[in-house]
Protein backbone atom coordinates (compact mmCIF):
# COMPACT_ATOMS: atom_id res chain seq x y z
CA MET A 1 -56.61 -12.77 -141.09
CA THR A 2 -53.96 -11.08 -138.89
CA TYR A 3 -51.38 -13.35 -137.42
CA VAL A 4 -50.40 -12.72 -133.75
CA SER A 5 -47.16 -14.16 -132.62
CA GLU A 6 -46.77 -16.15 -129.46
CA GLY A 7 -44.51 -13.44 -128.00
CA LYS A 8 -47.17 -10.81 -128.62
CA ILE A 9 -49.74 -12.93 -126.85
CA ILE A 10 -47.44 -13.35 -123.91
CA GLU A 11 -46.80 -9.58 -123.84
CA ILE A 12 -50.54 -8.83 -123.87
CA TYR A 13 -51.08 -11.42 -121.16
CA ASN A 14 -48.39 -9.95 -118.98
CA GLN A 15 -49.82 -6.46 -119.43
CA GLY A 16 -53.22 -7.77 -118.37
CA ILE A 17 -51.73 -9.49 -115.34
CA SER A 18 -49.85 -6.29 -114.47
CA GLN A 19 -53.04 -4.23 -114.66
CA VAL A 20 -54.87 -6.77 -112.49
CA ILE A 21 -52.03 -6.70 -109.95
CA ASP A 22 -52.09 -2.88 -109.93
CA ALA A 23 -55.84 -2.93 -109.46
CA ILE A 24 -55.52 -5.44 -106.62
CA GLN A 25 -52.80 -3.37 -104.98
CA LYS A 26 -54.91 -0.22 -105.23
CA LEU A 27 -57.90 -2.09 -103.83
CA THR A 28 -55.75 -3.47 -101.02
CA ILE A 29 -54.53 0.03 -100.17
CA GLU A 30 -58.10 1.31 -100.20
CA ILE A 31 -59.24 -1.56 -97.95
CA ARG A 32 -56.39 -0.90 -95.55
CA THR A 33 -57.19 2.80 -95.54
CA GLN A 34 -60.87 2.10 -94.92
CA LYS A 35 -59.97 -0.34 -92.12
CA ALA A 36 -57.76 2.30 -90.54
CA GLU A 37 -60.53 4.86 -90.88
CA ILE A 38 -63.07 2.42 -89.42
CA LYS A 39 -60.72 1.66 -86.53
CA ALA A 40 -60.16 5.37 -85.94
CA LEU A 41 -63.91 6.01 -86.11
CA CYS A 42 -64.59 3.17 -83.67
CA LYS A 43 -61.96 4.53 -81.32
CA GLU A 44 -63.36 8.04 -81.65
CA ASN A 45 -66.87 6.69 -81.14
CA LYS A 46 -65.82 4.95 -77.92
CA LEU A 47 -64.10 8.09 -76.69
CA LEU A 48 -67.13 10.21 -77.58
CA THR A 49 -69.42 7.69 -75.89
CA LYS A 50 -67.24 7.87 -72.80
CA ARG A 51 -67.31 11.67 -73.01
CA VAL A 52 -71.09 11.70 -73.33
CA LEU A 53 -71.41 9.39 -70.34
CA SER A 54 -69.06 11.66 -68.40
CA LEU A 55 -71.10 14.76 -69.27
CA GLU A 56 -74.35 12.98 -68.47
CA SER A 57 -72.79 11.92 -65.18
CA GLN A 58 -71.96 15.54 -64.36
CA VAL A 59 -75.48 16.68 -65.21
CA ASN A 60 -77.07 13.89 -63.18
CA LYS A 61 -74.98 14.47 -60.07
CA ASN A 62 -76.81 15.77 -57.03
CA SER A 63 -76.39 15.89 -53.26
CA ASN A 64 -77.23 12.18 -53.01
CA ASN A 65 -74.46 10.89 -55.29
CA SER A 66 -71.77 13.57 -54.96
CA SER A 67 -70.48 16.27 -52.64
CA LYS A 68 -72.74 18.90 -54.17
CA PRO A 69 -74.87 20.77 -51.62
CA PRO A 70 -78.64 20.10 -51.45
CA SER A 71 -79.28 23.69 -52.55
CA SER A 72 -77.89 22.79 -55.99
CA ASP A 73 -80.52 20.08 -56.57
CA GLY A 74 -83.20 22.53 -57.65
CA PHE A 75 -86.94 22.02 -57.34
CA LYS A 76 -87.41 19.24 -59.88
CA LYS A 77 -84.75 16.80 -58.75
CA LYS A 78 -85.83 14.30 -56.14
CA THR A 79 -82.99 12.87 -54.09
CA LYS A 80 -83.03 10.10 -51.55
CA SER A 81 -81.31 10.67 -48.24
CA LEU A 82 -78.48 8.39 -47.16
CA ARG A 83 -80.28 7.95 -43.86
CA THR A 84 -82.01 4.66 -43.24
CA LYS A 85 -85.05 3.97 -41.08
CA SER A 86 -84.13 3.63 -37.42
CA GLY A 87 -87.27 1.74 -36.45
CA LYS A 88 -88.04 4.29 -33.74
CA LYS A 89 -91.39 6.00 -33.38
CA PRO A 90 -91.62 9.74 -34.07
CA GLY A 91 -91.23 12.12 -31.14
CA GLY A 92 -89.23 11.94 -27.93
CA GLN A 93 -87.52 8.65 -27.12
CA ASN A 94 -87.28 6.83 -23.81
CA GLY A 95 -84.96 8.69 -21.47
CA HIS A 96 -85.35 11.96 -23.34
CA GLU A 97 -85.70 14.92 -20.97
CA SER A 98 -89.12 16.43 -21.55
CA SER A 99 -89.64 20.16 -22.11
CA THR A 100 -93.44 20.11 -21.84
CA LEU A 101 -95.10 23.14 -20.25
CA GLU A 102 -95.79 22.58 -16.55
CA LEU A 103 -97.69 24.58 -13.93
CA SER A 104 -95.48 26.90 -11.94
CA ASP A 105 -95.65 26.75 -8.14
CA ASN A 106 -94.77 30.44 -7.87
CA PRO A 107 -96.54 32.45 -10.60
CA ASP A 108 -95.41 36.07 -10.95
CA GLN A 109 -98.93 37.40 -11.32
CA ILE A 110 -102.35 36.04 -10.30
CA GLU A 111 -105.59 37.25 -11.82
CA ILE A 112 -108.89 36.22 -10.19
CA HIS A 113 -111.87 35.74 -12.48
CA SER A 114 -114.82 35.90 -10.11
CA VAL A 115 -118.34 34.61 -10.51
CA SER A 116 -121.03 36.69 -8.73
CA ASN A 117 -124.35 35.11 -9.82
CA CYS A 118 -125.62 31.62 -10.64
CA ASP A 119 -125.74 30.94 -14.39
CA ILE A 120 -129.20 29.30 -14.11
CA CYS A 121 -131.28 31.01 -11.41
CA GLY A 122 -129.31 34.22 -10.95
CA GLU A 123 -128.83 33.70 -7.18
CA SER A 124 -126.08 35.83 -5.65
CA LEU A 125 -122.81 33.98 -4.96
CA PRO A 126 -120.77 35.81 -2.29
CA ASP A 127 -117.05 35.17 -1.68
CA GLU A 128 -117.83 33.03 1.34
CA MET A 129 -119.22 30.33 -0.97
CA LEU A 130 -115.86 29.85 -2.76
CA GLU A 131 -114.95 26.13 -2.92
CA ASN A 132 -111.79 26.06 -5.09
CA TYR A 133 -110.14 27.41 -8.25
CA ILE A 134 -109.69 25.97 -11.74
CA ILE A 135 -106.16 27.04 -12.65
CA ARG A 136 -104.81 27.92 -16.08
CA GLN A 137 -101.40 29.55 -16.56
CA VAL A 138 -100.01 31.56 -19.46
CA VAL A 139 -96.24 31.53 -19.92
CA ASP A 140 -95.06 34.66 -21.71
CA ILE A 141 -92.17 37.10 -21.66
CA PRO A 142 -92.46 40.55 -20.07
CA GLU A 143 -92.88 43.68 -22.15
CA ILE A 144 -89.67 43.95 -24.15
CA LYS A 145 -89.74 47.50 -25.41
CA VAL A 146 -88.21 49.46 -22.57
CA LYS A 147 -86.24 52.66 -22.27
CA PRO A 148 -82.49 52.10 -22.12
CA LYS A 149 -80.94 52.04 -18.67
CA VAL A 150 -78.43 54.86 -18.22
CA THR A 151 -75.91 54.47 -15.42
CA GLU A 152 -73.94 57.59 -14.52
CA HIS A 153 -70.52 57.07 -13.00
CA ARG A 154 -69.16 59.92 -10.88
CA ALA A 155 -65.55 59.94 -9.82
CA GLU A 156 -64.98 62.14 -6.80
CA VAL A 157 -62.38 64.87 -6.93
CA LYS A 158 -60.84 65.91 -3.61
CA ILE A 159 -57.94 68.19 -2.78
CA CYS A 160 -55.62 67.16 0.01
CA PRO A 161 -55.65 69.87 2.71
CA LYS A 162 -52.04 69.14 3.58
CA CYS A 163 -50.18 68.87 0.23
CA ARG A 164 -52.91 70.37 -1.96
CA ARG A 165 -52.78 67.40 -4.39
CA LYS A 166 -55.95 66.86 -6.44
CA ASN A 167 -57.13 63.24 -5.93
CA THR A 168 -59.63 61.60 -8.32
CA GLY A 169 -61.66 58.43 -7.83
CA LYS A 170 -61.07 55.55 -10.25
CA PHE A 171 -63.70 54.51 -12.76
CA PRO A 172 -64.44 50.77 -13.16
CA ASP A 173 -62.53 48.87 -15.84
CA GLY A 174 -63.91 49.57 -19.29
CA ILE A 175 -65.44 52.96 -18.42
CA THR A 176 -63.23 55.13 -20.63
CA ASN A 177 -65.48 57.55 -22.52
CA THR A 178 -67.81 60.34 -21.48
CA VAL A 179 -70.72 58.42 -23.02
CA GLN A 180 -70.46 54.83 -24.17
CA TYR A 181 -72.48 51.65 -24.67
CA GLY A 182 -72.50 48.94 -22.02
CA GLU A 183 -71.52 45.30 -22.20
CA ILE A 184 -75.07 43.98 -22.56
CA ILE A 185 -75.95 45.96 -25.68
CA LYS A 186 -72.55 45.09 -27.17
CA SER A 187 -73.05 41.38 -26.51
CA VAL A 188 -76.58 41.46 -27.98
CA GLY A 189 -75.24 43.12 -31.13
CA VAL A 190 -72.49 40.53 -31.55
CA TYR A 191 -74.88 37.67 -30.75
CA LEU A 192 -77.39 38.76 -33.39
CA ALA A 193 -74.78 39.36 -36.09
CA GLN A 194 -72.41 36.44 -35.58
CA TYR A 195 -74.59 33.72 -34.09
CA GLN A 196 -78.05 34.46 -35.49
CA LEU A 197 -76.40 35.72 -38.74
CA ILE A 198 -78.60 38.82 -39.03
CA PRO A 199 -77.17 41.58 -41.26
CA TYR A 200 -75.93 44.70 -39.43
CA LYS A 201 -78.75 46.92 -40.68
CA ARG A 202 -81.45 44.52 -39.48
CA CYS A 203 -79.59 44.08 -36.18
CA SER A 204 -79.79 47.84 -35.67
CA GLU A 205 -83.49 47.84 -36.52
CA LEU A 206 -84.22 44.96 -34.14
CA ILE A 207 -82.34 46.57 -31.26
CA TYR A 208 -84.20 49.83 -31.81
CA ASP A 209 -87.58 48.06 -31.93
CA LEU A 210 -86.87 46.16 -28.71
CA PHE A 211 -84.82 48.56 -26.63
CA SER A 212 -85.31 52.02 -28.23
CA ILE A 213 -81.55 52.33 -28.78
CA SER A 214 -80.50 53.69 -32.15
CA LEU A 215 -77.28 52.09 -33.40
CA SER A 216 -75.57 52.75 -36.71
CA GLU A 217 -74.14 49.93 -38.81
CA GLY A 218 -70.68 51.35 -38.11
CA THR A 219 -71.28 51.00 -34.36
CA MET A 220 -72.34 47.39 -34.87
CA VAL A 221 -69.12 46.75 -36.77
CA ASN A 222 -67.13 48.32 -33.92
CA PHE A 223 -68.82 45.99 -31.42
CA ASN A 224 -67.76 42.98 -33.46
CA ASN A 225 -64.23 44.28 -34.02
CA SER A 226 -63.83 44.83 -30.29
CA CYS A 227 -65.06 41.31 -29.54
CA HIS A 228 -62.68 39.93 -32.18
CA GLU A 229 -59.68 41.61 -30.56
CA LYS A 230 -60.57 40.49 -27.03
CA LEU A 231 -61.04 36.88 -28.17
CA GLU A 232 -57.49 36.47 -29.49
CA PRO A 233 -56.01 34.71 -26.41
CA ILE A 234 -59.05 32.43 -26.09
CA GLU A 235 -58.83 31.51 -29.77
CA THR A 236 -55.18 30.59 -29.24
CA ASN A 237 -56.18 28.31 -26.35
CA ILE A 238 -58.86 26.65 -28.52
CA LYS A 239 -56.34 26.10 -31.32
CA ASN A 240 -53.78 24.61 -28.92
CA SER A 241 -56.43 22.33 -27.36
CA ILE A 242 -57.30 20.93 -30.79
CA THR A 243 -53.65 20.55 -31.82
CA ASN A 244 -52.74 18.66 -28.65
CA HIS A 245 -55.84 16.43 -28.70
CA LEU A 246 -54.88 12.76 -29.11
CA GLY A 247 -58.33 11.59 -30.20
CA ALA A 248 -60.31 12.27 -33.38
CA VAL A 249 -60.28 15.76 -34.90
CA HIS A 250 -62.28 16.62 -38.00
CA PHE A 251 -60.74 18.63 -40.85
CA ASP A 252 -62.48 20.17 -43.84
CA GLU A 253 -62.58 23.28 -46.01
CA THR A 254 -65.12 25.16 -48.11
CA GLY A 255 -64.99 27.99 -50.61
CA ILE A 256 -65.84 31.53 -49.51
CA TYR A 257 -65.62 34.88 -51.24
CA ILE A 258 -63.62 37.68 -49.62
CA ASP A 259 -63.33 41.02 -51.40
CA LYS A 260 -64.77 39.41 -54.55
CA LYS A 261 -62.04 36.73 -54.60
CA ARG A 262 -62.57 33.03 -54.03
CA GLN A 263 -60.75 31.87 -50.94
CA TRP A 264 -61.04 28.95 -48.52
CA LEU A 265 -62.38 28.59 -45.00
CA HIS A 266 -60.62 25.80 -43.11
CA VAL A 267 -62.03 24.14 -40.00
CA ALA A 268 -60.51 21.86 -37.37
CA SER A 269 -62.95 20.64 -34.74
CA ASN A 270 -63.98 17.92 -32.33
CA ASP A 271 -66.93 17.49 -29.98
CA LYS A 272 -65.66 20.27 -27.66
CA TYR A 273 -63.78 22.83 -29.74
CA THR A 274 -64.04 24.55 -33.13
CA TYR A 275 -61.32 26.52 -34.90
CA TYR A 276 -61.74 28.40 -38.20
CA GLU A 277 -59.23 30.18 -40.39
CA ALA A 278 -59.59 31.74 -43.83
CA ASN A 279 -56.79 31.45 -46.39
CA GLU A 280 -56.26 32.15 -50.07
CA LYS A 281 -55.06 28.58 -50.59
CA ARG A 282 -56.74 25.23 -50.10
CA GLY A 283 -53.77 22.85 -49.89
CA LYS A 284 -50.52 22.47 -48.00
CA ILE A 285 -49.56 26.15 -48.03
CA ALA A 286 -52.72 26.86 -46.04
CA THR A 287 -52.39 23.91 -43.64
CA GLU A 288 -48.77 24.83 -42.91
CA LYS A 289 -49.77 28.41 -42.13
CA ILE A 290 -52.67 27.31 -39.92
CA ASN A 291 -50.15 25.02 -38.18
CA ILE A 292 -52.49 22.46 -36.63
CA LEU A 293 -51.90 19.38 -38.79
CA PRO A 294 -48.07 19.71 -38.77
CA ASN A 295 -48.12 19.25 -34.98
CA PHE A 296 -51.17 16.98 -34.64
CA ARG A 297 -50.66 13.45 -33.28
CA GLY A 298 -54.22 12.17 -32.97
CA THR A 299 -56.54 10.82 -35.69
CA ALA A 300 -57.40 13.21 -38.52
CA VAL A 301 -60.90 12.59 -39.91
CA HIS A 302 -61.37 14.01 -43.42
CA ASP A 303 -62.30 13.35 -47.00
CA CYS A 304 -59.59 11.96 -49.27
CA PHE A 305 -58.07 15.36 -50.13
CA LYS A 306 -54.43 14.65 -50.97
CA THR A 307 -52.99 17.36 -48.71
CA TYR A 308 -54.22 15.67 -45.53
CA HIS A 309 -52.43 12.42 -46.35
CA SER A 310 -49.09 14.24 -46.58
CA TYR A 311 -49.03 14.46 -42.77
CA THR A 312 -47.74 11.13 -41.51
CA ASP A 313 -47.22 11.85 -37.79
CA CYS A 314 -50.94 11.42 -37.17
CA LYS A 315 -53.41 8.66 -37.98
CA HIS A 316 -56.09 9.11 -40.62
CA ALA A 317 -59.75 8.14 -40.98
CA LEU A 318 -61.76 8.75 -44.15
CA CYS A 319 -65.30 10.06 -44.31
CA ASN A 320 -67.63 7.22 -45.27
CA ALA A 321 -70.51 9.61 -46.04
CA HIS A 322 -68.49 10.79 -49.06
CA ILE A 323 -67.88 7.19 -50.08
CA LEU A 324 -71.57 6.28 -49.79
CA ARG A 325 -72.48 9.17 -52.11
CA GLU A 326 -69.84 8.06 -54.61
CA LEU A 327 -71.17 4.51 -54.48
CA ASN A 328 -74.62 5.91 -55.26
CA ALA A 329 -73.12 7.61 -58.31
CA ILE A 330 -71.49 4.37 -59.52
CA THR A 331 -74.83 2.57 -59.17
CA GLU A 332 -76.98 5.27 -60.79
CA LEU A 333 -74.65 6.69 -63.45
CA GLU A 334 -72.39 3.77 -64.43
CA GLN A 335 -74.80 0.93 -63.59
CA GLN A 336 -72.06 -1.21 -62.08
CA LEU A 337 -73.36 -3.96 -59.83
CA TRP A 338 -70.62 -4.08 -57.16
CA ALA A 339 -71.32 -0.60 -55.74
CA GLU A 340 -74.68 -1.27 -54.08
CA PRO A 341 -73.44 -4.31 -52.08
CA MET A 342 -70.40 -2.29 -50.96
CA LYS A 343 -72.69 0.50 -49.78
CA LYS A 344 -74.85 -1.98 -47.88
CA LEU A 345 -71.76 -3.52 -46.30
CA LEU A 346 -70.51 -0.18 -44.94
CA ILE A 347 -73.97 0.62 -43.55
CA GLU A 348 -74.18 -2.86 -42.00
CA ILE A 349 -70.82 -2.37 -40.27
CA LYS A 350 -71.97 1.00 -38.93
CA LYS A 351 -75.15 -0.56 -37.51
CA GLU A 352 -73.08 -3.26 -35.83
CA VAL A 353 -70.82 -0.60 -34.31
CA ASP A 354 -73.84 1.39 -33.09
CA LEU A 355 -75.27 -1.73 -31.42
CA ASN A 356 -72.06 -2.41 -29.50
CA TRP A 357 -70.93 1.16 -28.87
CA ASN A 358 -72.00 1.25 -25.22
CA THR A 359 -70.46 -2.10 -24.28
CA ALA A 360 -67.15 -2.29 -26.17
CA ASN A 361 -64.35 -0.24 -27.74
CA ALA A 362 -64.19 -2.22 -31.00
CA LEU A 363 -65.86 -5.06 -32.82
CA THR A 364 -64.77 -8.59 -31.94
CA SER A 365 -61.96 -10.11 -33.99
CA ASP A 366 -64.24 -12.67 -35.68
CA LYS A 367 -66.67 -9.96 -36.83
CA ILE A 368 -63.80 -7.79 -38.06
CA GLU A 369 -62.37 -10.72 -40.01
CA ALA A 370 -65.75 -11.52 -41.57
CA PHE A 371 -66.39 -7.91 -42.60
CA GLU A 372 -62.87 -7.53 -44.04
CA LYS A 373 -63.30 -10.72 -46.06
CA ARG A 374 -66.56 -9.46 -47.59
CA TYR A 375 -64.96 -6.07 -48.25
CA THR A 376 -62.04 -7.68 -50.13
CA LYS A 377 -64.39 -9.91 -52.14
CA LEU A 378 -66.48 -6.93 -53.24
CA LEU A 379 -63.35 -5.05 -54.28
CA LYS A 380 -62.29 -7.97 -56.48
CA ASP A 381 -65.75 -8.12 -58.04
CA GLY A 382 -65.59 -4.40 -58.65
CA PHE A 383 -62.20 -4.50 -60.39
CA ASP A 384 -63.35 -7.40 -62.58
CA GLU A 385 -66.59 -5.67 -63.54
CA ASP A 386 -64.90 -2.35 -64.27
CA TYR A 387 -62.24 -4.00 -66.44
CA ILE A 388 -64.85 -5.81 -68.51
CA ALA A 389 -66.72 -2.52 -69.04
CA ASN A 390 -63.70 -0.35 -69.85
CA SER A 391 -60.78 -2.62 -70.82
CA GLU A 392 -60.64 -1.46 -74.45
CA LEU A 393 -60.49 2.17 -73.38
CA TYR A 394 -57.80 1.50 -70.76
CA ASP A 395 -55.49 0.24 -73.53
CA GLU A 396 -55.09 3.89 -74.52
CA LYS A 397 -52.54 5.41 -72.15
CA LYS A 398 -54.02 8.92 -72.21
CA VAL A 399 -57.60 7.84 -71.55
CA LYS A 400 -58.97 9.06 -68.21
CA ARG A 401 -59.79 6.29 -65.81
CA SER A 402 -63.44 5.74 -64.94
CA THR A 403 -64.98 7.10 -61.76
CA SER A 404 -65.57 3.51 -60.74
CA LEU A 405 -61.90 2.55 -61.10
CA ASN A 406 -60.75 5.63 -59.21
CA LEU A 407 -63.05 4.78 -56.32
CA LEU A 408 -61.99 1.11 -56.35
CA ASN A 409 -58.33 2.13 -56.18
CA ARG A 410 -59.10 4.39 -53.22
CA LEU A 411 -61.15 1.72 -51.43
CA SER A 412 -58.24 -0.67 -51.88
CA ALA A 413 -55.39 1.71 -50.96
CA TYR A 414 -57.12 3.20 -47.89
CA LYS A 415 -58.94 0.13 -46.59
CA GLU A 416 -57.81 0.56 -42.95
CA GLN A 417 -58.56 4.29 -42.93
CA ILE A 418 -62.07 3.62 -44.27
CA LEU A 419 -62.84 0.82 -41.81
CA THR A 420 -61.05 2.33 -38.80
CA PHE A 421 -64.38 3.15 -37.15
CA MET A 422 -64.93 -0.58 -36.49
CA TYR A 423 -61.42 -1.02 -35.05
CA ASP A 424 -61.87 1.90 -32.63
CA PHE A 425 -65.33 3.11 -31.61
CA ASN A 426 -63.88 6.52 -30.70
CA ILE A 427 -63.35 7.17 -34.41
CA PRO A 428 -66.52 8.41 -36.16
CA PHE A 429 -68.03 6.87 -39.29
CA ASP A 430 -68.03 10.16 -41.20
CA ASN A 431 -66.78 13.73 -41.23
CA ASN A 432 -70.22 15.25 -40.71
CA LEU A 433 -69.12 17.22 -37.64
CA ALA A 434 -66.75 19.36 -39.71
CA GLU A 435 -69.39 19.78 -42.42
CA ARG A 436 -71.93 20.96 -39.83
CA ASP A 437 -69.39 23.40 -38.41
CA LEU A 438 -68.87 24.85 -41.90
CA ARG A 439 -72.54 24.95 -42.85
CA MET A 440 -73.33 28.17 -40.99
CA THR A 441 -70.68 29.99 -43.00
CA LYS A 442 -72.60 29.16 -46.17
CA VAL A 443 -75.82 30.30 -44.48
CA LYS A 444 -74.08 33.55 -43.52
CA GLN A 445 -73.16 34.20 -47.15
CA LYS A 446 -76.68 33.37 -48.35
CA ILE A 447 -78.18 35.86 -45.90
CA SER A 448 -75.64 38.68 -45.88
CA GLY A 449 -73.63 38.09 -49.05
CA THR A 450 -69.88 37.68 -49.26
CA PHE A 451 -67.26 39.23 -46.99
CA ARG A 452 -66.12 42.66 -48.14
CA SER A 453 -62.72 42.48 -46.46
CA LEU A 454 -60.32 39.99 -44.93
CA GLU A 455 -60.72 41.79 -41.58
CA GLY A 456 -64.47 41.17 -41.64
CA ALA A 457 -63.97 37.50 -42.51
CA ASN A 458 -61.41 37.06 -39.72
CA SER A 459 -63.75 38.75 -37.24
CA PHE A 460 -66.55 36.37 -38.19
CA THR A 461 -64.40 33.21 -38.07
CA ARG A 462 -62.90 33.98 -34.65
CA ILE A 463 -66.22 34.90 -33.03
CA ARG A 464 -68.02 32.02 -34.74
CA GLY A 465 -65.37 29.57 -33.55
CA TYR A 466 -65.85 30.83 -29.98
CA VAL A 467 -69.66 30.60 -30.26
CA SER A 468 -69.46 27.05 -31.62
CA THR A 469 -67.08 26.06 -28.83
CA VAL A 470 -69.17 27.44 -25.97
CA ARG A 471 -72.28 25.73 -27.34
CA LYS A 472 -70.45 22.41 -27.61
CA ASN A 473 -69.57 22.81 -23.93
CA GLY A 474 -73.18 23.48 -22.93
CA LEU A 475 -72.61 27.14 -22.01
CA ASN A 476 -75.03 30.01 -22.58
CA THR A 477 -73.94 31.77 -25.76
CA LEU A 478 -75.17 35.26 -24.88
CA ASP A 479 -73.70 35.15 -21.38
CA CYS A 480 -70.33 34.05 -22.75
CA ILE A 481 -70.25 36.81 -25.37
CA ARG A 482 -71.17 39.32 -22.66
CA SER A 483 -68.26 38.11 -20.54
CA ILE A 484 -65.83 39.02 -23.34
CA PHE A 485 -66.58 42.70 -22.73
CA THR A 486 -65.81 42.36 -19.01
CA SER A 487 -62.60 41.80 -17.06
CA ASN A 488 -63.49 38.12 -16.54
CA PRO A 489 -64.09 36.53 -19.98
CA VAL A 490 -65.29 32.92 -20.14
CA ASP A 491 -62.63 30.64 -21.63
CA PRO A 492 -64.28 27.27 -22.48
CA THR A 493 -60.87 25.55 -22.54
CA LEU A 494 -60.55 26.28 -18.81
CA VAL A 495 -64.09 25.31 -17.79
C-alpha cells in the first residue's frame, strides 16, 4: 500500500480546484460571449425588423397614403379617396346655372315637313287647313371644312407731280411678308398645342382636316415661339401681381425632364393668376432666381418643404391634404392608434369652417380653444404611443426616427401653420390649387413626351401660365391668345 503524504493530497486538491476555477472562468467567458452575441443578434433583429417594415411601407404606399400620383397605383391597388360624402344629391345643386338645351326664338334655318294626305282615308290636305306646327330644333355647328380666307393687301404707290417723290401706302401692323399666316390660324395653333396639349404633328393634321391649310411642324413651333416672345411683358405683370399679393399664394414644384435631364417646374398661383418657371434646382437657388418668395409678404401655402420656411418675411400655411395622406400611412402601415382620430379632427375642423365660411372670417374663440385642446391631447397620445413602440430603437443614436415620430414633431412644431385655416377663412385648407396648376404639365409629358430643349419648356410655361390666368379670370382662352398676335393684347392683370 502506497502512502500519500498530507502535502501531496493538498497539492492534488489545489490542482483540482485550479482546474475547476479555469473551467468556470472559461465557461463564464463563453457565457459572456454568447450573451454579447445574443444581444447583438437581438439588436440586429430589431434593426432588420425595422428595415423590413420600412421596405414594406414603401411598397404599400399609394396615392391615398403618400404624395405619389394616382397613376402609380396600378390596376390592382384599390385606394380610398380622402373625400367624404357631402350629403348632396347627384347632379346640379340649387342655384346652379342650368345649361340645358332650350328652343331658340330665332333659328337660322327653318325646314317645313308638310303633310298632303290624311293617314287614314287619304283625303287631300291643302295648306289652307294648317292649324299649327310641332317644333323640334337641332343645335349643330356649321360645316367646318372651308377653304382658307385669303386677304390681299395692296399699298398704293403714287409719284408726287411736284417733287417727283414716290409715296407708298402703309400696310397694317403685322403685315410684313409677301405671304404670311393670319392671327386666327396662329392663335388656333397655339391654343391646340399649349392648352389642349395636342402634339405639333396632330395639330397640323387637325388644322388641315378642318380648314384645308397645310402647316409644317416647324411652322407650328414658330407660332408658339412668336406667342412666347409677345407674352413677356404680360408674364412680368402676372409675376408682379402674385409677388405683391397680400393674401394667400400657393407654391409647389414638380419634376420635369428637359433635354433628357431631370429639372423642376415651380409654380406660384392664387385664384386669379398663375406663374410657372423651370429651373435645374428645386431648393433655395431656384426660389432666389425666380424672385417671388424673397419679396412676398402675404401667406405662402405649401407642403413642408424646408426651403419655403427659410423665408420669414411672409406668413406660412401648410397643406393639410398632405398631412391627411401621411396620417393614412401611419394608420395603415404602422398601425398606430392616434393617427385616425387626428385625421378625423382635421376633417371636422374643415367642415366647421365650411359651415361658417359665408357668415364669418374665423371660428369663434371658444371653438378654436376646444379644437386646439383636442389637437394637443392627440399629439401627447401620439408621442406616448410612438415611444412605447420604438423606445428601444431610439436608444441607438444612429437609428432613423419612425415616420410616425417625424410627423408628430412636424404637427407639434407647425401647429399654427397647420390650423391657420380656422383662424382666417381666407387661408385654404390645402395646397390643391398649386397641384391642379401643375397637373397639366404632367399630362403634357404623358401625351407629347419630355421637352427637347429649355427654349421649348420656357415657351410652354409662359403660354400655359397666361392660359391658366385668363381662364381664372373668366376670359375666353382662344380670343385672348388671338389678341397676342394683334396690336392690342389682352392683359388679365389690367382687366
